Amino acid sequence: MAKGKGIYKRGNIWWIRYADPFGKIRFESSYSTSFREAQDILIQRKKEVMEGKAPIPKKRITNHSFRELTEIYIKWIEPQGGYRQKASIINQLVEKFGGYPLRTFTTRGIEQLQSERLQFNKPATVNRLLATLKHMFTKAVEWEMVEDEVLKRIRKVKLLQENNRRLRYLSKEECKALVNASDPHLKPIIITALNTGMRKEEILSLEWDKHIDLKHGFILLNKTKNGDRREIPINQTLRETLQGLVKHINSPYVFTDSEGKRYQDVKRSFNSALKRAVIKDFRFHDLRHTFASHLVMTGIDLTTVSRLLGHKNLTMTLRYSHLAPEHMVRAVDLLDNTLNGKSTIQKLYNQGVVSNA
């Protein structure tokens, strides 16, 4: 039964009919139950004919399940940074979709997933889930496991608006209180976070021979969340902390339990330390904000802070810019002194606006 010129149905599948550049009538399956998808293919074929190109019929792709894609994708991401976090997200998706055929995924279905997750998760968490799903289908198309039309349907789902204004960091006094309140195994981990700005997983996965270079004073990260190599200087406090650790003979990891097993998480002991130090509304990741915030307040330029944090660009680092009013006052005062021979820095110092002249 035809529904449009050059488009007709065989069973539940829409087919197209068109003449190639040589006048030969061609018949081609869209492999889809969607009339619009068949229409899009027909328009593309007619465009190719008008350009004098020989149309390349759509390749038939075997029907793969989401679980099959997962098995291949998870092996592909294993050597990459942030593997554990990605694997956790993928496991959540498998629980939801499991044996679903890839070509049955729809825009509406993914939007329903968003709505369901928003009942229990923050928009940022839901966005990470969606971003992972979109990338999985991008690779599925590249690996010829599903048609491009399915990917287009998933890409129509928009990311949710996030509130990224949270910037919680500890004062110098709170930093000391947290370190002092930490259990023996947690204390060096906290000191490492405060003095490097490293992410929790980056810290817990540190290996002596692979990452720690005490001779030259650097922590070397070859596999980061952004995929870039990062070198982090080891200051004196961190050096003394690392030198005070006992290396387990049967483990390459820096932070281990008595049996040499690396810590997978320190959430329970971290929360206990926060209670003892009377610190509220604080997460482990905020130690990274603490590191960056104090660098900026000390007068370190944002470019340097960005490099230490491993940001791809300055956009994310700019969230700390408001913490450097004194640094900006000095910059403008220097310009005033250079152009006009005047300086207001001493006056501001006397008023208590800046800390020193």
Protein backbone atom coordinates (compact mmCIF):
# COMPACT_ATOMS: atom_id res chain seq x y z
CA MET A 1 0.00 0.00 0.00
CA ALA A 2 1.60 3.25 -1.13
CA LYS A 3 1.63 6.37 1.03
CA GLY A 4 3.71 8.67 -1.17
CA LYS A 5 5.26 8.78 -4.61
CA GLY A 6 8.20 6.39 -4.68
CA ILE A 7 7.47 5.07 -1.17
CA TYR A 8 5.52 1.93 -0.42
CA LYS A 9 5.17 -0.78 2.21
CA ARG A 10 6.12 -4.45 2.33
CA GLY A 11 4.71 -5.85 5.52
CA ASN A 12 5.64 -3.34 8.22
CA ILE A 13 8.75 -2.02 6.43
CA TRP A 14 8.79 1.00 4.12
CA TRP A 15 10.53 0.68 0.74
CA ILE A 16 11.55 3.31 -1.80
CA ARG A 17 11.60 3.32 -5.60
CA TYR A 18 13.66 5.68 -7.80
CA ALA A 19 15.50 5.84 -11.13
CA ASP A 20 19.32 5.82 -11.06
CA PRO A 21 21.45 8.06 -13.38
CA PHE A 22 21.12 5.46 -16.15
CA GLY A 23 17.31 5.32 -15.99
CA LYS A 24 17.22 1.97 -14.23
CA ILE A 25 14.47 1.64 -11.61
CA ARG A 26 15.90 0.70 -8.23
CA PHE A 27 14.05 -0.72 -5.25
CA GLU A 28 15.52 -0.31 -1.76
CA SER A 29 14.40 -1.16 1.76
CA SER A 30 14.62 1.53 4.42
CA TYR A 31 14.73 -1.26 7.07
CA SER A 32 12.40 0.95 9.09
CA THR A 33 8.75 1.13 10.05
CA SER A 34 8.93 4.95 9.93
CA PHE A 35 7.56 6.61 6.78
CA ARG A 36 9.61 9.75 7.51
CA GLU A 37 12.87 7.80 7.60
CA ALA A 38 12.03 6.19 4.26
CA GLN A 39 11.18 9.63 2.88
CA ASP A 40 14.56 11.01 4.05
CA ILE A 41 16.39 8.17 2.31
CA LEU A 42 14.44 8.73 -0.92
CA ILE A 43 15.28 12.46 -0.87
CA GLN A 44 18.95 11.60 -0.38
CA ARG A 45 18.92 9.10 -3.27
CA LYS A 46 17.27 11.61 -5.63
CA LYS A 47 19.86 14.20 -4.64
CA GLU A 48 22.65 11.74 -5.48
CA VAL A 49 21.03 11.03 -8.87
CA MET A 50 20.75 14.77 -9.65
CA GLU A 51 24.48 15.11 -8.87
CA GLY A 52 25.25 12.28 -11.27
CA LYS A 53 26.35 9.92 -8.53
CA ALA A 54 25.49 6.24 -8.46
CA PRO A 55 23.41 5.81 -5.28
CA ILE A 56 24.87 3.44 -2.72
CA PRO A 57 22.01 1.40 -1.23
CA LYS A 58 21.72 1.29 2.48
CA LYS A 59 23.73 -1.57 3.96
CA ARG A 60 21.72 -4.15 5.86
CA ILE A 61 22.89 -4.24 9.48
CA THR A 62 22.31 -7.26 11.69
CA ASN A 63 19.94 -6.65 14.58
CA HIS A 64 22.17 -6.12 17.65
CA SER A 65 21.07 -5.74 21.27
CA PHE A 66 22.11 -3.05 23.71
CA ARG A 67 23.88 -5.70 25.77
CA GLU A 68 26.04 -6.64 22.76
CA LEU A 69 27.01 -3.00 22.30
CA THR A 70 27.82 -2.72 26.00
CA GLU A 71 30.21 -5.68 25.93
CA ILE A 72 32.21 -4.13 23.09
CA TYR A 73 32.03 -0.55 24.33
CA ILE A 74 33.17 -1.32 27.88
CA LYS A 75 36.29 -3.07 26.59
CA TRP A 76 36.98 -0.10 24.32
CA ILE A 77 36.89 2.44 27.19
CA GLU A 78 38.89 0.32 29.65
CA PRO A 79 42.28 1.95 28.87
CA GLN A 80 40.77 5.43 29.15
CA GLY A 81 40.62 7.80 32.10
CA GLY A 82 37.58 7.72 34.36
CA TYR A 83 36.87 4.08 33.48
CA ARG A 84 35.30 3.15 36.82
CA GLN A 85 32.82 6.03 36.72
CA LYS A 86 31.88 5.30 33.10
CA ALA A 87 31.51 1.58 33.84
CA SER A 88 29.13 2.39 36.69
CA ILE A 89 26.96 4.50 34.38
CA ILE A 90 26.98 1.80 31.70
CA ASN A 91 25.87 -0.83 34.25
CA GLN A 92 22.87 1.37 35.09
CA LEU A 93 21.97 1.56 31.40
CA VAL A 94 22.27 -2.22 31.01
CA GLU A 95 19.89 -2.73 33.92
CA LYS A 96 17.38 -0.51 32.13
CA PHE A 97 17.77 -1.64 28.51
CA GLY A 98 19.54 -5.03 28.64
CA GLY A 99 18.34 -7.04 25.65
CA TYR A 100 16.61 -4.15 23.85
CA PRO A 101 17.42 -4.19 20.10
CA LEU A 102 19.44 -1.08 19.27
CA ARG A 103 17.14 0.02 16.45
CA THR A 104 14.12 0.13 18.78
CA PHE A 105 15.48 3.11 20.75
CA THR A 106 13.36 6.22 20.28
CA THR A 107 13.48 9.89 21.24
CA ARG A 108 10.41 9.46 23.42
CA GLY A 109 11.91 6.46 25.20
CA ILE A 110 15.07 8.34 26.15
CA GLU A 111 13.07 11.37 27.30
CA GLN A 112 11.06 9.04 29.55
CA LEU A 113 14.36 7.79 30.99
CA GLN A 114 15.31 11.39 31.76
CA SER A 115 12.03 11.99 33.58
CA GLU A 116 12.37 8.80 35.62
CA ARG A 117 15.94 9.60 36.69
CA LEU A 118 15.10 13.18 37.66
CA GLN A 119 12.92 11.83 40.46
CA PHE A 120 16.03 10.51 42.21
CA ASN A 121 19.04 12.28 40.64
CA LYS A 122 20.29 15.80 39.99
CA PRO A 123 20.25 17.13 36.40
CA ALA A 124 24.04 16.85 36.19
CA THR A 125 23.87 13.13 37.04
CA VAL A 126 21.12 12.53 34.47
CA ASN A 127 23.15 14.43 31.86
CA ARG A 128 26.18 12.20 32.40
CA LEU A 129 23.94 9.18 31.85
CA LEU A 130 22.54 10.64 28.61
CA ALA A 131 25.97 11.75 27.36
CA THR A 132 27.28 8.22 27.84
CA LEU A 133 24.29 6.73 26.01
CA LYS A 134 24.73 9.15 23.09
CA HIS A 135 28.41 8.31 22.78
CA MET A 136 27.68 4.58 22.88
CA PHE A 137 25.31 4.96 19.92
CA THR A 138 27.84 7.14 18.09
CA LYS A 139 30.31 4.26 18.33
CA ALA A 140 27.57 1.76 17.44
CA VAL A 141 27.08 3.56 14.12
CA GLU A 142 30.85 3.63 13.50
CA TRP A 143 31.04 -0.09 14.30
CA GLU A 144 28.08 -0.76 11.95
CA MET A 145 25.88 -2.15 14.73
CA VAL A 146 22.94 0.19 14.11
CA GLU A 147 21.68 2.62 11.48
CA ASP A 148 22.45 6.32 11.62
CA GLU A 149 18.73 7.09 11.87
CA VAL A 150 18.66 5.62 15.38
CA LEU A 151 21.52 7.86 16.47
CA LYS A 152 19.65 10.88 15.08
CA ARG A 153 16.64 10.00 17.24
CA ILE A 154 18.77 9.83 20.38
CA ARG A 155 20.61 13.05 19.58
CA LYS A 156 17.29 14.89 19.51
CA VAL A 157 17.09 14.48 23.29
CA LYS A 158 18.51 17.65 24.86
CA LEU A 159 20.69 17.78 27.94
CA LEU A 160 19.04 19.24 31.03
CA GLN A 161 19.95 22.64 32.39
CA GLU A 162 22.39 22.32 35.28
CA ASN A 163 23.16 24.53 38.22
CA ASN A 164 26.95 24.62 38.22
CA ARG A 165 27.28 27.54 40.62
CA ARG A 166 28.21 25.43 43.65
CA LEU A 167 31.69 26.38 44.83
CA ARG A 168 32.23 25.06 48.35
CA TYR A 169 35.75 25.25 49.71
CA LEU A 170 37.39 25.06 53.12
CA SER A 171 39.10 27.86 54.97
CA LYS A 172 42.68 27.35 56.19
CA GLU A 173 41.34 26.56 59.66
CA GLU A 174 38.85 24.01 58.28
CA CYS A 175 41.60 22.35 56.22
CA LYS A 176 43.67 21.81 59.38
CA ALA A 177 40.63 20.61 61.30
CA LEU A 178 39.74 18.05 58.61
CA VAL A 179 43.28 16.68 58.41
CA ASN A 180 43.48 16.37 62.20
CA ALA A 181 40.07 14.67 62.37
CA SER A 182 40.94 12.06 59.70
CA ASP A 183 41.74 8.43 60.45
CA PRO A 184 45.39 7.37 59.84
CA HIS A 185 44.61 5.79 56.45
CA LEU A 186 42.56 8.82 55.30
CA LYS A 187 44.90 11.59 56.45
CA PRO A 188 47.52 11.22 53.66
CA ILE A 189 44.72 10.99 51.07
CA ILE A 190 43.22 14.28 52.28
CA ILE A 191 46.65 15.95 52.30
CA THR A 192 47.24 14.76 48.72
CA ALA A 193 43.88 16.17 47.60
CA LEU A 194 44.44 19.54 49.28
CA ASN A 195 47.93 19.93 47.84
CA THR A 196 47.36 18.68 44.29
CA GLY A 197 43.71 19.29 43.37
CA MET A 198 43.54 15.74 41.99
CA ARG A 199 40.23 13.93 41.62
CA LYS A 200 39.41 11.15 44.07
CA GLU A 201 39.86 8.32 41.58
CA GLU A 202 43.14 9.81 40.37
CA ILE A 203 44.41 9.78 43.95
CA LEU A 204 43.21 6.31 44.90
CA SER A 205 44.66 4.77 41.73
CA LEU A 206 48.16 6.26 42.19
CA GLU A 207 51.00 3.76 41.85
CA TRP A 208 54.52 4.31 43.21
CA ASP A 209 56.56 3.38 40.14
CA LYS A 210 54.06 4.57 37.58
CA HIS A 211 53.07 7.99 38.92
CA ILE A 212 55.28 9.15 41.80
CA ASP A 213 58.59 10.84 40.97
CA LEU A 214 59.99 12.07 44.30
CA LYS A 215 63.43 12.64 42.79
CA HIS A 216 62.19 15.37 40.44
CA GLY A 217 59.20 16.32 42.60
CA PHE A 218 56.26 15.48 40.32
CA ILE A 219 53.17 13.30 40.15
CA LEU A 220 52.76 12.14 36.54
CA LEU A 221 49.27 11.30 35.30
CA ASN A 222 49.23 9.74 31.84
CA LYS A 223 45.58 8.73 31.92
CA THR A 224 43.26 11.49 33.09
CA LYS A 225 39.53 12.22 32.77
CA ASN A 226 40.23 14.54 29.84
CA GLY A 227 42.63 12.10 28.22
CA ASP A 228 45.62 14.44 28.53
CA ARG A 229 48.91 13.92 30.34
CA ARG A 230 49.26 16.02 33.48
CA GLU A 231 52.25 16.81 35.69
CA ILE A 232 51.56 18.01 39.23
CA PRO A 233 54.40 19.42 41.38
CA ILE A 234 54.97 17.83 44.79
CA ASN A 235 55.34 20.52 47.47
CA GLN A 236 57.21 19.98 50.74
CA THR A 237 54.13 19.03 52.77
CA LEU A 238 53.10 16.39 50.25
CA ARG A 239 56.68 15.13 49.92
CA GLU A 240 56.92 14.56 53.67
CA THR A 241 53.53 12.83 53.64
CA LEU A 242 54.47 10.46 50.81
CA GLN A 243 57.86 9.69 52.32
CA GLY A 244 56.12 8.77 55.56
CA LEU A 245 53.98 6.11 53.89
CA VAL A 246 54.95 2.43 54.09
CA LYS A 247 55.08 0.73 50.70
CA HIS A 248 53.27 -2.60 50.71
CA ILE A 249 55.53 -5.30 49.32
CA ASN A 250 52.73 -6.96 47.32
CA SER A 251 51.04 -3.86 45.92
CA PRO A 252 52.03 -1.13 43.45
CA TYR A 253 49.48 1.31 44.90
CA VAL A 254 50.30 4.28 47.12
CA PHE A 255 47.20 4.13 49.30
CA THR A 256 46.38 0.59 50.47
CA ASP A 257 44.91 -1.28 53.39
CA SER A 258 46.96 -3.68 55.55
CA GLU A 259 46.63 -6.42 52.90
CA GLY A 260 47.93 -4.21 50.10
CA LYS A 261 44.55 -3.68 48.43
CA ARG A 262 43.91 -0.20 47.07
CA TYR A 263 40.98 1.71 48.49
CA GLN A 264 38.00 1.71 46.13
CA ASP A 265 36.33 4.53 48.07
CA VAL A 266 36.76 6.39 51.35
CA LYS A 267 33.25 7.79 51.66
CA ARG A 268 32.49 6.38 55.10
CA SER A 269 35.74 7.48 56.77
CA PHE A 270 35.57 10.86 54.97
CA ASN A 271 32.06 11.55 56.30
CA SER A 272 33.16 10.54 59.79
CA ALA A 273 36.08 12.97 59.62
CA LEU A 274 33.72 15.76 58.50
CA LYS A 275 31.48 15.15 61.51
CA ARG A 276 34.41 15.21 63.91
CA ALA A 277 35.69 18.44 62.34
CA VAL A 278 32.15 19.92 62.38
CA ILE A 279 32.21 20.61 58.64
CA LYS A 280 28.85 20.54 56.86
CA ASP A 281 27.70 20.49 53.22
CA PHE A 282 31.02 19.24 51.89
CA ARG A 283 32.01 16.52 49.40
CA PHE A 284 35.34 14.95 48.59
CA HIS A 285 35.33 16.69 45.19
CA ASP A 286 35.16 20.02 47.04
CA LEU A 287 38.76 19.41 48.14
CA ARG A 288 39.61 20.08 44.50
CA HIS A 289 37.71 23.37 44.72
CA THR A 290 39.60 24.15 47.93
CA PHE A 291 42.95 23.63 46.19
CA ALA A 292 41.99 25.88 43.28
CA SER A 293 40.31 28.55 45.41
CA HIS A 294 43.31 29.07 47.66
CA LEU A 295 45.65 29.23 44.67
CA VAL A 296 43.55 32.00 43.14
CA MET A 297 43.25 33.88 46.44
CA THR A 298 47.02 33.71 46.76
CA GLY A 299 47.30 35.51 43.43
CA ILE A 300 48.11 32.61 41.08
CA ASP A 301 46.89 33.34 37.53
CA LEU A 302 43.96 31.35 36.17
CA THR A 303 45.99 29.84 33.33
CA THR A 304 48.34 28.18 35.80
CA VAL A 305 45.42 27.02 37.96
CA SER A 306 43.74 25.60 34.86
CA ARG A 307 46.84 23.60 33.94
CA LEU A 308 47.22 22.23 37.47
CA LEU A 309 43.58 21.13 37.50
CA GLY A 310 43.85 19.59 34.03
CA HIS A 311 41.02 21.63 32.52
CA LYS A 312 40.72 21.52 28.73
CA ASN A 313 40.22 25.28 28.62
CA LEU A 314 39.74 28.29 30.90
CA THR A 315 35.94 28.13 30.86
CA MET A 316 35.68 25.85 33.91
CA THR A 317 38.50 27.65 35.73
CA LEU A 318 36.73 31.00 35.41
CA ARG A 319 34.37 29.97 38.22
CA TYR A 320 37.21 30.86 40.60
CA SER A 321 37.90 34.30 39.13
CA HIS A 322 35.70 36.14 41.65
CA LEU A 323 38.05 34.96 44.42
CA ALA A 324 40.87 37.17 43.15
CA PRO A 325 39.65 40.76 43.83
CA GLU A 326 42.92 41.69 45.51
CA HIS A 327 44.90 40.36 42.55
CA MET A 328 42.78 42.45 40.16
CA VAL A 329 43.14 45.55 42.35
CA ARG A 330 46.93 45.23 42.14
CA ALA A 331 46.79 44.78 38.36
CA VAL A 332 44.76 47.94 37.81
CA ASP A 333 46.88 49.85 40.32
CA LEU A 334 50.03 48.82 38.45
CA LEU A 335 48.50 50.17 35.23
CA ASP A 336 47.57 53.45 36.98
CA ASN A 337 51.10 53.78 38.30
CA THR A 338 52.58 53.08 34.84
CA LEU A 339 50.31 55.43 32.88
CA ASN A 340 49.62 58.16 35.40
CA GLY A 341 52.32 57.89 38.05
CA LYS A 342 49.66 57.32 40.71
CA SER A 343 49.02 54.47 43.12
CA THR A 344 46.04 53.73 45.38
CA ILE A 345 47.29 50.41 46.74
CA GLN A 346 48.66 51.97 49.94
CA LYS A 347 45.38 53.76 50.55
CA LEU A 348 43.45 50.50 50.08
CA TYR A 349 45.86 48.75 52.41
CA ASN A 350 45.24 51.35 55.12
CA GLN A 351 41.49 50.83 54.67
CA GLY A 352 41.89 47.08 55.02
CA VAL A 353 40.77 46.32 51.45
CA VAL A 354 44.02 44.55 50.58
CA SER A 355 46.34 42.60 52.83
CA ASN A 356 49.67 44.31 52.15
CA ALA A 357 51.09 47.26 50.17
